[in-house]
Amino acid sequence: MEQKSVYPFEIIKKGLEHPIQLPASLEIELQDFETYCLNHTSELNRSDINRFIWDGARFYWQDLEAGNLEIDFTSKKLQYRMQKLNKAQEPLLRAVGWKSTERQRIWDLTAGLGRDSALLYFAGLQVLMFERNPVLQTLLQYGLAQLSQPVGQADIGTAVDPYLYLMPEDAIAFLQNRGSQEMQRSDIAIPLADVIYMDPMYPERKKSALVKKELRIIRNLVGADLDNELLLKKALASGVPRVVVKRPKGAEFVADLKPSHSVESPNTRFDVYLQHPVETLSR
């Protein structure tokens, strides 16, 4: 049976005698992406544009300028890192206040490739990711499907085990509308998080070596991060008692808001904001 062409999407047969069958979860995600593309572009079926590739084993985004981008939460590299993880010393876990006796709820407002969220999930936490870019949404959904988690949105309020779940929407809009969402959809209301985590796009350095391939692709996808200050202020006003912001070492505080404290690592800094009125944080 011939595969339906979904723009921008390509199946590479690699010499196989039979057409490649897409996983059911991937077909659904690509249908959603096709709708997005039809609403945002009129240039269909071109060979010189970036696109998704499925080769029967791997699913990835092909950026013709910067390379390929994929998300694999079951990779040997990630599994090895999780096995060797020292939870008590890991800077991210220290920043979110991880305790072995508690099952914290985390909202990751800037999921991106989901790697920090995956670390939090494998450390035993309940993680809700937010991502607004449709390409990253599709890659994340495919990556989550490989974990085979039986967690739906209706389960989030009652789940007792760790989970990693994606909300494919803008985190700022979610924070603004959360109250009305709970009133209108009380059966699947999302409980308040214990910690908000955000990793805004690092500022582009003028004098540096060639930017890491994955970061270049993400920059091509999402553009400049112009609303990270608003996102932080919405997070601080959300009622969540702890907000953690990942920054490059030596970078300015987001929105010039001084954190309660910071957790340092060799190249990264995690700024921790405990519950305070936003006005008291300004320097």
C-alpha atoms as a PDB file:
ATOM      1  CA  MET A   1       0.000   0.000   0.000  1.00  0.00           C
ATOM      2  CA  GLU A   2       1.483   3.327  -1.032  1.00  0.00           C
ATOM      3  CA  GLN A   3       2.231   5.758   1.786  1.00  0.00           C
ATOM      4  CA  LYS A   4       0.376   9.052   1.841  1.00  0.00           C
ATOM      5  CA  SER A   5       2.770  11.940   1.242  1.00  0.00           C
ATOM      6  CA  VAL A   6       2.861  14.271   4.217  1.00  0.00           C
ATOM      7  CA  TYR A   7       4.623  17.585   3.719  1.00  0.00           C
ATOM      8  CA  PRO A   8       7.415  18.090   4.521  1.00  0.00           C
ATOM      9  CA  PHE A   9       8.091  14.380   4.938  1.00  0.00           C
ATOM     10  CA  GLU A  10      10.112  11.737   3.113  1.00  0.00           C
ATOM     11  CA  ILE A  11      10.441   7.978   3.421  1.00  0.00           C
ATOM     12  CA  ILE A  12      13.867   6.545   2.606  1.00  0.00           C
ATOM     13  CA  LYS A  13      13.537   2.911   1.542  1.00  0.00           C
ATOM     14  CA  LYS A  14      17.261   2.146   1.618  1.00  0.00           C
ATOM     15  CA  GLY A  15      16.874  -0.750  -0.821  1.00  0.00           C
ATOM     16  CA  LEU A  16      14.016  -2.432   1.003  1.00  0.00           C
ATOM     17  CA  GLU A  17      11.722  -4.502  -1.203  1.00  0.00           C
ATOM     18  CA  HIS A  18       8.542  -3.464   0.588  1.00  0.00           C
ATOM     19  CA  PRO A  19       7.227  -0.006   1.488  1.00  0.00           C
ATOM     20  CA  ILE A  20       8.106   1.091   4.990  1.00  0.00           C
ATOM     21  CA  GLN A  21       5.168   1.094   7.392  1.00  0.00           C
ATOM     22  CA  LEU A  22       5.096   4.052   9.748  1.00  0.00           C
ATOM     23  CA  PRO A  23       4.397   3.505  13.458  1.00  0.00           C
ATOM     24  CA  ALA A  24       0.763   4.440  14.221  1.00  0.00           C
ATOM     25  CA  SER A  25       1.798   7.138  16.712  1.00  0.00           C
ATOM     26  CA  LEU A  26       4.037   8.736  14.094  1.00  0.00           C
ATOM     27  CA  GLU A  27       1.266   8.823  11.499  1.00  0.00           C
ATOM     28  CA  ILE A  28      -0.954  10.742  13.925  1.00  0.00           C
ATOM     29  CA  GLU A  29       1.777  13.271  14.725  1.00  0.00           C
ATOM     30  CA  LEU A  30       2.542  13.832  11.058  1.00  0.00           C
ATOM     31  CA  GLN A  31      -1.139  14.399  10.289  1.00  0.00           C
ATOM     32  CA  ASP A  32      -1.140  17.161  12.906  1.00  0.00           C
ATOM     33  CA  PHE A  33       2.043  18.581  11.419  1.00  0.00           C
ATOM     34  CA  GLU A  34       0.611  18.453   7.915  1.00  0.00           C
ATOM     35  CA  THR A  35      -2.289  20.617   9.093  1.00  0.00           C
ATOM     36  CA  TYR A  36       0.178  23.094  10.561  1.00  0.00           C
ATOM     37  CA  CYS A  37       2.170  23.220   7.326  1.00  0.00           C
ATOM     38  CA  LEU A  38      -0.904  23.781   5.187  1.00  0.00           C
ATOM     39  CA  ASN A  39      -1.841  26.696   7.423  1.00  0.00           C
ATOM     40  CA  HIS A  40       1.627  28.274   7.401  1.00  0.00           C
ATOM     41  CA  THR A  41       3.115  27.757   3.943  1.00  0.00           C
ATOM     42  CA  SER A  42       2.116  27.572   0.315  1.00  0.00           C
ATOM     43  CA  GLU A  43       5.342  25.974  -0.923  1.00  0.00           C
ATOM     44  CA  LEU A  44       4.459  22.287  -1.067  1.00  0.00           C
ATOM     45  CA  ASN A  45       6.409  19.280  -2.370  1.00  0.00           C
ATOM     46  CA  ARG A  46       9.738  21.080  -2.795  1.00  0.00           C
ATOM     47  CA  SER A  47      12.967  19.091  -2.597  1.00  0.00           C
ATOM     48  CA  ASP A  48      15.096  21.955  -1.291  1.00  0.00           C
ATOM     49  CA  ILE A  49      13.345  22.474   2.034  1.00  0.00           C
ATOM     50  CA  ASN A  50      13.910  21.033   5.495  1.00  0.00           C
ATOM     51  CA  ARG A  51      11.792  17.966   6.232  1.00  0.00           C
ATOM     52  CA  PHE A  52      11.132  14.937   8.413  1.00  0.00           C
ATOM     53  CA  ILE A  53      12.824  11.674   7.428  1.00  0.00           C
ATOM     54  CA  TRP A  54      11.732   8.142   8.381  1.00  0.00           C
ATOM     55  CA  ASP A  55      14.028   5.314   7.269  1.00  0.00           C
ATOM     56  CA  GLY A  56      12.270   2.441   8.980  1.00  0.00           C
ATOM     57  CA  ALA A  57      14.376   2.649  12.128  1.00  0.00           C
ATOM     58  CA  ARG A  58      15.090   6.315  12.769  1.00  0.00           C
ATOM     59  CA  PHE A  59      12.859   9.372  12.632  1.00  0.00           C
ATOM     60  CA  TYR A  60      14.522  12.767  12.443  1.00  0.00           C
ATOM     61  CA  TRP A  61      14.310  16.348  11.200  1.00  0.00           C
ATOM     62  CA  GLN A  62      16.651  17.146   8.317  1.00  0.00           C
ATOM     63  CA  ASP A  63      17.991  20.690   8.287  1.00  0.00           C
ATOM     64  CA  LEU A  64      19.714  21.065   4.909  1.00  0.00           C
ATOM     65  CA  GLU A  65      22.094  23.691   6.283  1.00  0.00           C
ATOM     66  CA  ALA A  66      22.943  22.343   9.739  1.00  0.00           C
ATOM     67  CA  GLY A  67      22.310  18.588   9.741  1.00  0.00           C
ATOM     68  CA  ASN A  68      19.886  16.118  11.341  1.00  0.00           C
ATOM     69  CA  LEU A  69      18.015  16.367  14.624  1.00  0.00           C
ATOM     70  CA  GLU A  70      16.398  13.474  16.468  1.00  0.00           C
ATOM     71  CA  ILE A  71      15.116  12.664  19.947  1.00  0.00           C
ATOM     72  CA  ASP A  72      15.731   9.229  21.440  1.00  0.00           C
ATOM     73  CA  PHE A  73      14.952   8.754  25.137  1.00  0.00           C
ATOM     74  CA  THR A  74      16.024   5.101  24.917  1.00  0.00           C
ATOM     75  CA  SER A  75      19.493   5.695  23.445  1.00  0.00           C
ATOM     76  CA  LYS A  76      22.436   3.823  24.945  1.00  0.00           C
ATOM     77  CA  LYS A  77      24.184   7.140  25.628  1.00  0.00           C
ATOM     78  CA  LEU A  78      21.278   8.480  27.695  1.00  0.00           C
ATOM     79  CA  GLN A  79      20.725   5.179  29.491  1.00  0.00           C
ATOM     80  CA  TYR A  80      24.413   5.019  30.401  1.00  0.00           C
ATOM     81  CA  ARG A  81      24.294   8.549  31.783  1.00  0.00           C
ATOM     82  CA  MET A  82      21.250   7.701  33.900  1.00  0.00           C
ATOM     83  CA  GLN A  83      22.919   4.573  35.265  1.00  0.00           C
ATOM     84  CA  LYS A  84      25.990   6.583  36.312  1.00  0.00           C
ATOM     85  CA  LEU A  85      23.971   9.532  37.648  1.00  0.00           C
ATOM     86  CA  ASN A  86      24.900  10.697  41.138  1.00  0.00           C
ATOM     87  CA  LYS A  87      21.551  12.140  42.124  1.00  0.00           C
ATOM     88  CA  ALA A  88      22.814  13.857  45.238  1.00  0.00           C
ATOM     89  CA  GLN A  89      25.515  15.740  43.291  1.00  0.00           C
ATOM     90  CA  GLU A  90      23.757  16.391  39.941  1.00  0.00           C
ATOM     91  CA  PRO A  91      23.452  20.221  39.668  1.00  0.00           C
ATOM     92  CA  LEU A  92      19.989  20.154  38.052  1.00  0.00           C
ATOM     93  CA  LEU A  93      18.595  17.860  40.759  1.00  0.00           C
ATOM     94  CA  ARG A  94      20.142  20.021  43.466  1.00  0.00           C
ATOM     95  CA  ALA A  95      18.557  23.082  41.888  1.00  0.00           C
ATOM     96  CA  VAL A  96      15.035  21.597  41.818  1.00  0.00           C
ATOM     97  CA  GLY A  97      15.428  20.429  45.434  1.00  0.00           C
ATOM     98  CA  TRP A  98      15.331  16.697  44.639  1.00  0.00           C
ATOM     99  CA  LYS A  99      14.740  14.355  47.569  1.00  0.00           C
ATOM    100  CA  SER A 100      14.636  10.573  47.326  1.00  0.00           C
ATOM    101  CA  THR A 101      11.575  10.472  49.580  1.00  0.00           C
ATOM    102  CA  GLU A 102       9.447  12.885  47.527  1.00  0.00           C
ATOM    103  CA  ARG A 103       7.729  12.574  44.127  1.00  0.00           C
ATOM    104  CA  GLN A 104       7.948  16.161  42.899  1.00  0.00           C
ATOM    105  CA  ARG A 105       5.871  17.543  40.046  1.00  0.00           C
ATOM    106  CA  ILE A 106       7.921  19.538  37.546  1.00  0.00           C
ATOM    107  CA  TRP A 107       6.736  21.824  34.758  1.00  0.00           C
ATOM    108  CA  ASP A 108       9.442  22.200  32.104  1.00  0.00           C
ATOM    109  CA  LEU A 109       8.265  25.320  30.274  1.00  0.00           C
ATOM    110  CA  THR A 110      10.869  25.131  27.484  1.00  0.00           C
ATOM    111  CA  ALA A 111      11.194  21.437  26.659  1.00  0.00           C
ATOM    112  CA  GLY A 112      13.306  21.707  23.488  1.00  0.00           C
ATOM    113  CA  LEU A 113      14.926  18.289  22.992  1.00  0.00           C
ATOM    114  CA  GLY A 114      13.599  17.091  26.342  1.00  0.00           C
ATOM    115  CA  ARG A 115      16.945  15.997  27.738  1.00  0.00           C
ATOM    116  CA  ASP A 116      16.720  17.834  31.055  1.00  0.00           C
ATOM    117  CA  SER A 117      13.130  16.632  31.408  1.00  0.00           C
ATOM    118  CA  ALA A 118      14.286  13.070  30.728  1.00  0.00           C
ATOM    119  CA  LEU A 119      16.949  13.358  33.442  1.00  0.00           C
ATOM    120  CA  LEU A 120      14.298  14.539  35.902  1.00  0.00           C
ATOM    121  CA  TYR A 121      11.964  11.720  34.873  1.00  0.00           C
ATOM    122  CA  PHE A 122      14.631   9.028  35.202  1.00  0.00           C
ATOM    123  CA  ALA A 123      15.463  10.477  38.628  1.00  0.00           C
ATOM    124  CA  GLY A 124      11.915   9.567  39.681  1.00  0.00           C
ATOM    125  CA  LEU A 125       9.999  12.824  39.179  1.00  0.00           C
ATOM    126  CA  GLN A 126       6.713  13.619  37.441  1.00  0.00           C
ATOM    127  CA  VAL A 127       7.534  15.879  34.520  1.00  0.00           C
ATOM    128  CA  LEU A 128       5.153  17.852  32.336  1.00  0.00           C
ATOM    129  CA  MET A 129       6.900  19.339  29.286  1.00  0.00           C
ATOM    130  CA  PHE A 130       5.678  22.348  27.317  1.00  0.00           C
ATOM    131  CA  GLU A 131       6.832  22.993  23.758  1.00  0.00           C
ATOM    132  CA  ARG A 132       5.295  25.361  21.208  1.00  0.00           C
ATOM    133  CA  ASN A 133       7.390  24.629  18.111  1.00  0.00           C
ATOM    134  CA  PRO A 134       5.573  22.089  15.880  1.00  0.00           C
ATOM    135  CA  VAL A 135       8.753  20.337  14.684  1.00  0.00           C
ATOM    136  CA  LEU A 136      10.036  19.823  18.225  1.00  0.00           C
ATOM    137  CA  GLN A 137       6.550  18.766  19.330  1.00  0.00           C
ATOM    138  CA  THR A 138       6.535  16.006  16.699  1.00  0.00           C
ATOM    139  CA  LEU A 139      10.032  14.797  17.597  1.00  0.00           C
ATOM    140  CA  LEU A 140       9.170  14.787  21.304  1.00  0.00           C
ATOM    141  CA  GLN A 141       5.942  12.848  20.752  1.00  0.00           C
ATOM    142  CA  TYR A 142       7.832  10.243  18.748  1.00  0.00           C
ATOM    143  CA  GLY A 143      10.508   9.996  21.453  1.00  0.00           C
ATOM    144  CA  LEU A 144       7.862   9.583  24.150  1.00  0.00           C
ATOM    145  CA  ALA A 145       6.124   6.847  22.166  1.00  0.00           C
ATOM    146  CA  GLN A 146       9.309   4.758  22.402  1.00  0.00           C
ATOM    147  CA  LEU A 147       9.090   4.886  26.222  1.00  0.00           C
ATOM    148  CA  SER A 148       5.683   3.165  26.088  1.00  0.00           C
ATOM    149  CA  GLN A 149       4.244   5.165  28.963  1.00  0.00           C
ATOM    150  CA  PRO A 150       0.531   4.534  29.584  1.00  0.00           C
ATOM    151  CA  VAL A 151       0.037   8.089  30.843  1.00  0.00           C
ATOM    152  CA  GLY A 152      -2.602  10.362  29.356  1.00  0.00           C
ATOM    153  CA  GLN A 153      -3.551  13.872  30.374  1.00  0.00           C
ATOM    154  CA  ALA A 154      -6.496  12.531  32.386  1.00  0.00           C
ATOM    155  CA  ASP A 155      -4.013  10.545  34.533  1.00  0.00           C
ATOM    156  CA  ILE A 156      -1.784  13.461  35.469  1.00  0.00           C
ATOM    157  CA  GLY A 157      -3.795  14.565  38.490  1.00  0.00           C
ATOM    158  CA  THR A 158      -3.833  11.104  40.097  1.00  0.00           C
ATOM    159  CA  ALA A 159      -0.556   9.529  38.961  1.00  0.00           C
ATOM    160  CA  VAL A 160       1.734   8.284  41.729  1.00  0.00           C
ATOM    161  CA  ASP A 161       4.563   6.977  39.538  1.00  0.00           C
ATOM    162  CA  PRO A 162       7.105   9.044  37.587  1.00  0.00           C
ATOM    163  CA  TYR A 163       5.926  10.247  34.197  1.00  0.00           C
ATOM    164  CA  LEU A 164       7.160  12.271  31.251  1.00  0.00           C
ATOM    165  CA  TYR A 165       4.329  13.928  29.336  1.00  0.00           C
ATOM    166  CA  LEU A 166       4.149  16.608  26.659  1.00  0.00           C
ATOM    167  CA  MET A 167       1.735  19.517  26.477  1.00  0.00           C
ATOM    168  CA  PRO A 168       2.138  20.782  22.876  1.00  0.00           C
ATOM    169  CA  GLU A 169       1.385  24.402  23.618  1.00  0.00           C
ATOM    170  CA  ASP A 170       2.875  27.761  24.540  1.00  0.00           C
ATOM    171  CA  ALA A 171       3.822  27.838  28.225  1.00  0.00           C
ATOM    172  CA  ILE A 172       3.033  31.544  28.558  1.00  0.00           C
ATOM    173  CA  ALA A 173      -0.506  30.959  27.295  1.00  0.00           C
ATOM    174  CA  PHE A 174      -0.859  27.984  29.644  1.00  0.00           C
ATOM    175  CA  LEU A 175       0.176  30.036  32.675  1.00  0.00           C
ATOM    176  CA  GLN A 176      -2.137  32.872  31.694  1.00  0.00           C
ATOM    177  CA  ASN A 177      -5.140  30.629  31.120  1.00  0.00           C
ATOM    178  CA  ARG A 178      -4.561  27.967  33.750  1.00  0.00           C
ATOM    179  CA  GLY A 179      -7.353  29.115  36.072  1.00  0.00           C
ATOM    180  CA  SER A 180     -10.034  29.056  33.374  1.00  0.00           C
ATOM    181  CA  GLN A 181      -8.744  25.708  32.049  1.00  0.00           C
ATOM    182  CA  GLU A 182      -9.236  24.139  35.468  1.00  0.00           C
ATOM    183  CA  MET A 183     -12.774  25.514  35.700  1.00  0.00           C
ATOM    184  CA  GLN A 184     -13.770  24.331  32.223  1.00  0.00           C
ATOM    185  CA  ARG A 185     -12.003  20.951  32.320  1.00  0.00           C
ATOM    186  CA  SER A 186     -12.060  20.052  36.006  1.00  0.00           C
ATOM    187  CA  ASP A 187     -12.042  16.327  35.183  1.00  0.00           C
ATOM    188  CA  ILE A 188      -8.514  16.606  33.781  1.00  0.00           C
ATOM    189  CA  ALA A 189      -7.255  19.615  35.737  1.00  0.00           C
ATOM    190  CA  ILE A 190      -3.488  19.796  35.965  1.00  0.00           C
ATOM    191  CA  PRO A 191      -2.346  20.056  39.591  1.00  0.00           C
ATOM    192  CA  LEU A 192       0.031  22.826  40.593  1.00  0.00           C
ATOM    193  CA  ALA A 193       3.685  21.948  40.168  1.00  0.00           C
ATOM    194  CA  ASP A 194       6.219  21.851  42.965  1.00  0.00           C
ATOM    195  CA  VAL A 195       8.902  23.278  40.664  1.00  0.00           C
ATOM    196  CA  ILE A 196       8.954  25.200  37.394  1.00  0.00           C
ATOM    197  CA  TYR A 197      12.011  24.685  35.208  1.00  0.00           C
ATOM    198  CA  MET A 198      12.961  26.767  32.185  1.00  0.00           C
ATOM    199  CA  ASP A 199      15.943  26.712  29.874  1.00  0.00           C
ATOM    200  CA  PRO A 200      15.674  29.774  27.625  1.00  0.00           C
ATOM    201  CA  MET A 201      17.727  29.882  24.452  1.00  0.00           C
ATOM    202  CA  TYR A 202      21.265  30.879  25.343  1.00  0.00           C
ATOM    203  CA  PRO A 203      22.276  34.290  24.004  1.00  0.00           C
ATOM    204  CA  GLU A 204      24.214  33.998  20.751  1.00  0.00           C
ATOM    205  CA  ARG A 205      27.900  34.619  21.248  1.00  0.00           C
ATOM    206  CA  LYS A 206      29.599  36.860  18.718  1.00  0.00           C
ATOM    207  CA  LYS A 207      33.051  35.365  19.227  1.00  0.00           C
ATOM    208  CA  SER A 208      32.912  31.597  19.505  1.00  0.00           C
ATOM    209  CA  ALA A 209      33.721  28.413  17.657  1.00  0.00           C
ATOM    210  CA  LEU A 210      31.113  26.963  15.346  1.00  0.00           C
ATOM    211  CA  VAL A 211      27.949  26.596  17.373  1.00  0.00           C
ATOM    212  CA  LYS A 212      27.021  23.007  18.267  1.00  0.00           C
ATOM    213  CA  LYS A 213      25.022  21.414  15.453  1.00  0.00           C
ATOM    214  CA  GLU A 214      21.882  20.749  17.490  1.00  0.00           C
ATOM    215  CA  LEU A 215      21.800  24.294  18.817  1.00  0.00           C
ATOM    216  CA  ARG A 216      22.137  25.673  15.284  1.00  0.00           C
ATOM    217  CA  ILE A 217      19.179  23.575  14.126  1.00  0.00           C
ATOM    218  CA  ILE A 218      17.055  24.670  17.084  1.00  0.00           C
ATOM    219  CA  ARG A 219      17.926  28.304  16.421  1.00  0.00           C
ATOM    220  CA  ASN A 220      16.837  27.804  12.816  1.00  0.00           C
ATOM    221  CA  LEU A 221      13.547  26.349  14.042  1.00  0.00           C
ATOM    222  CA  VAL A 222      12.567  28.712  16.848  1.00  0.00           C
ATOM    223  CA  GLY A 223      14.468  31.916  16.029  1.00  0.00           C
ATOM    224  CA  ALA A 224      15.417  34.417  18.716  1.00  0.00           C
ATOM    225  CA  ASP A 225      14.036  33.833  22.208  1.00  0.00           C
ATOM    226  CA  LEU A 226      12.359  37.207  22.706  1.00  0.00           C
ATOM    227  CA  ASP A 227       9.892  36.428  25.482  1.00  0.00           C
ATOM    228  CA  ASN A 228      11.990  34.662  28.126  1.00  0.00           C
ATOM    229  CA  GLU A 229      11.621  37.642  30.487  1.00  0.00           C
ATOM    230  CA  LEU A 230       7.833  37.469  30.241  1.00  0.00           C
ATOM    231  CA  LEU A 231       7.941  33.703  30.734  1.00  0.00           C
ATOM    232  CA  LEU A 232       9.974  34.061  33.928  1.00  0.00           C
ATOM    233  CA  LYS A 233       7.646  36.724  35.320  1.00  0.00           C
ATOM    234  CA  LYS A 234       4.603  34.544  34.570  1.00  0.00           C
ATOM    235  CA  ALA A 235       6.340  31.609  36.246  1.00  0.00           C
ATOM    236  CA  LEU A 236       7.109  33.654  39.356  1.00  0.00           C
ATOM    237  CA  ALA A 237       3.482  34.788  39.525  1.00  0.00           C
ATOM    238  CA  SER A 238       2.073  31.269  39.049  1.00  0.00           C
ATOM    239  CA  GLY A 239       2.030  30.256  42.701  1.00  0.00           C
ATOM    240  CA  VAL A 240       4.615  27.522  42.151  1.00  0.00           C
ATOM    241  CA  PRO A 241       6.982  27.789  45.141  1.00  0.00           C
ATOM    242  CA  ARG A 242      10.246  27.144  43.270  1.00  0.00           C
ATOM    243  CA  VAL A 243      11.371  28.334  39.829  1.00  0.00           C
ATOM    244  CA  VAL A 244      14.681  27.211  38.301  1.00  0.00           C
ATOM    245  CA  VAL A 245      16.272  28.923  35.291  1.00  0.00           C
ATOM    246  CA  LYS A 246      19.227  27.403  33.412  1.00  0.00           C
ATOM    247  CA  ARG A 247      21.807  29.911  32.212  1.00  0.00           C
ATOM    248  CA  PRO A 248      25.322  29.869  30.765  1.00  0.00           C
ATOM    249  CA  LYS A 249      27.974  30.492  33.380  1.00  0.00           C
ATOM    250  CA  GLY A 250      28.566  34.239  33.669  1.00  0.00           C
ATOM    251  CA  ALA A 251      25.340  35.233  31.887  1.00  0.00           C
ATOM    252  CA  GLU A 252      23.053  38.007  33.099  1.00  0.00           C
ATOM    253  CA  PHE A 253      20.040  37.099  35.195  1.00  0.00           C
ATOM    254  CA  VAL A 254      16.895  36.813  33.085  1.00  0.00           C
ATOM    255  CA  ALA A 255      14.868  40.058  33.330  1.00  0.00           C
ATOM    256  CA  ASP A 256      17.575  41.314  35.698  1.00  0.00           C
ATOM    257  CA  LEU A 257      15.812  39.443  38.522  1.00  0.00           C
ATOM    258  CA  LYS A 258      18.206  38.260  41.211  1.00  0.00           C
ATOM    259  CA  PRO A 259      17.589  34.652  42.309  1.00  0.00           C
ATOM    260  CA  SER A 260      17.417  33.414  45.888  1.00  0.00           C
ATOM    261  CA  HIS A 261      20.550  31.394  45.159  1.00  0.00           C
ATOM    262  CA  SER A 262      22.318  29.642  42.279  1.00  0.00           C
ATOM    263  CA  VAL A 263      23.742  26.165  41.741  1.00  0.00           C
ATOM    264  CA  GLU A 264      26.955  26.290  39.725  1.00  0.00           C
ATOM    265  CA  SER A 265      28.493  23.731  37.393  1.00  0.00           C
ATOM    266  CA  PRO A 266      31.566  24.113  35.146  1.00  0.00           C
ATOM    267  CA  ASN A 267      29.700  25.650  32.175  1.00  0.00           C
ATOM    268  CA  THR A 268      26.184  26.185  33.474  1.00  0.00           C
ATOM    269  CA  ARG A 269      24.398  28.020  36.252  1.00  0.00           C
ATOM    270  CA  PHE A 270      20.971  27.183  37.672  1.00  0.00           C
ATOM    271  CA  ASP A 271      19.277  30.242  39.157  1.00  0.00           C
ATOM    272  CA  VAL A 272      16.776  29.275  41.862  1.00  0.00           C
ATOM    273  CA  TYR A 273      13.875  31.575  42.686  1.00  0.00           C
ATOM    274  CA  LEU A 274      11.969  30.734  45.845  1.00  0.00           C
ATOM    275  CA  GLN A 275       8.503  32.195  46.292  1.00  0.00           C
ATOM    276  CA  HIS A 276       8.874  35.971  46.499  1.00  0.00           C
ATOM    277  CA  PRO A 277       6.966  38.856  44.895  1.00  0.00           C
ATOM    278  CA  VAL A 278       8.613  39.742  41.570  1.00  0.00           C
ATOM    279  CA  GLU A 279       9.200  43.340  42.686  1.00  0.00           C
ATOM    280  CA  THR A 280      11.496  42.220  45.526  1.00  0.00           C
ATOM    281  CA  LEU A 281      13.782  40.353  43.111  1.00  0.00           C
ATOM    282  CA  SER A 282      14.811  43.370  41.023  1.00  0.00           C
ATOM    283  CA  ARG A 283      18.301  44.610  41.733  1.00  0.00           C
END
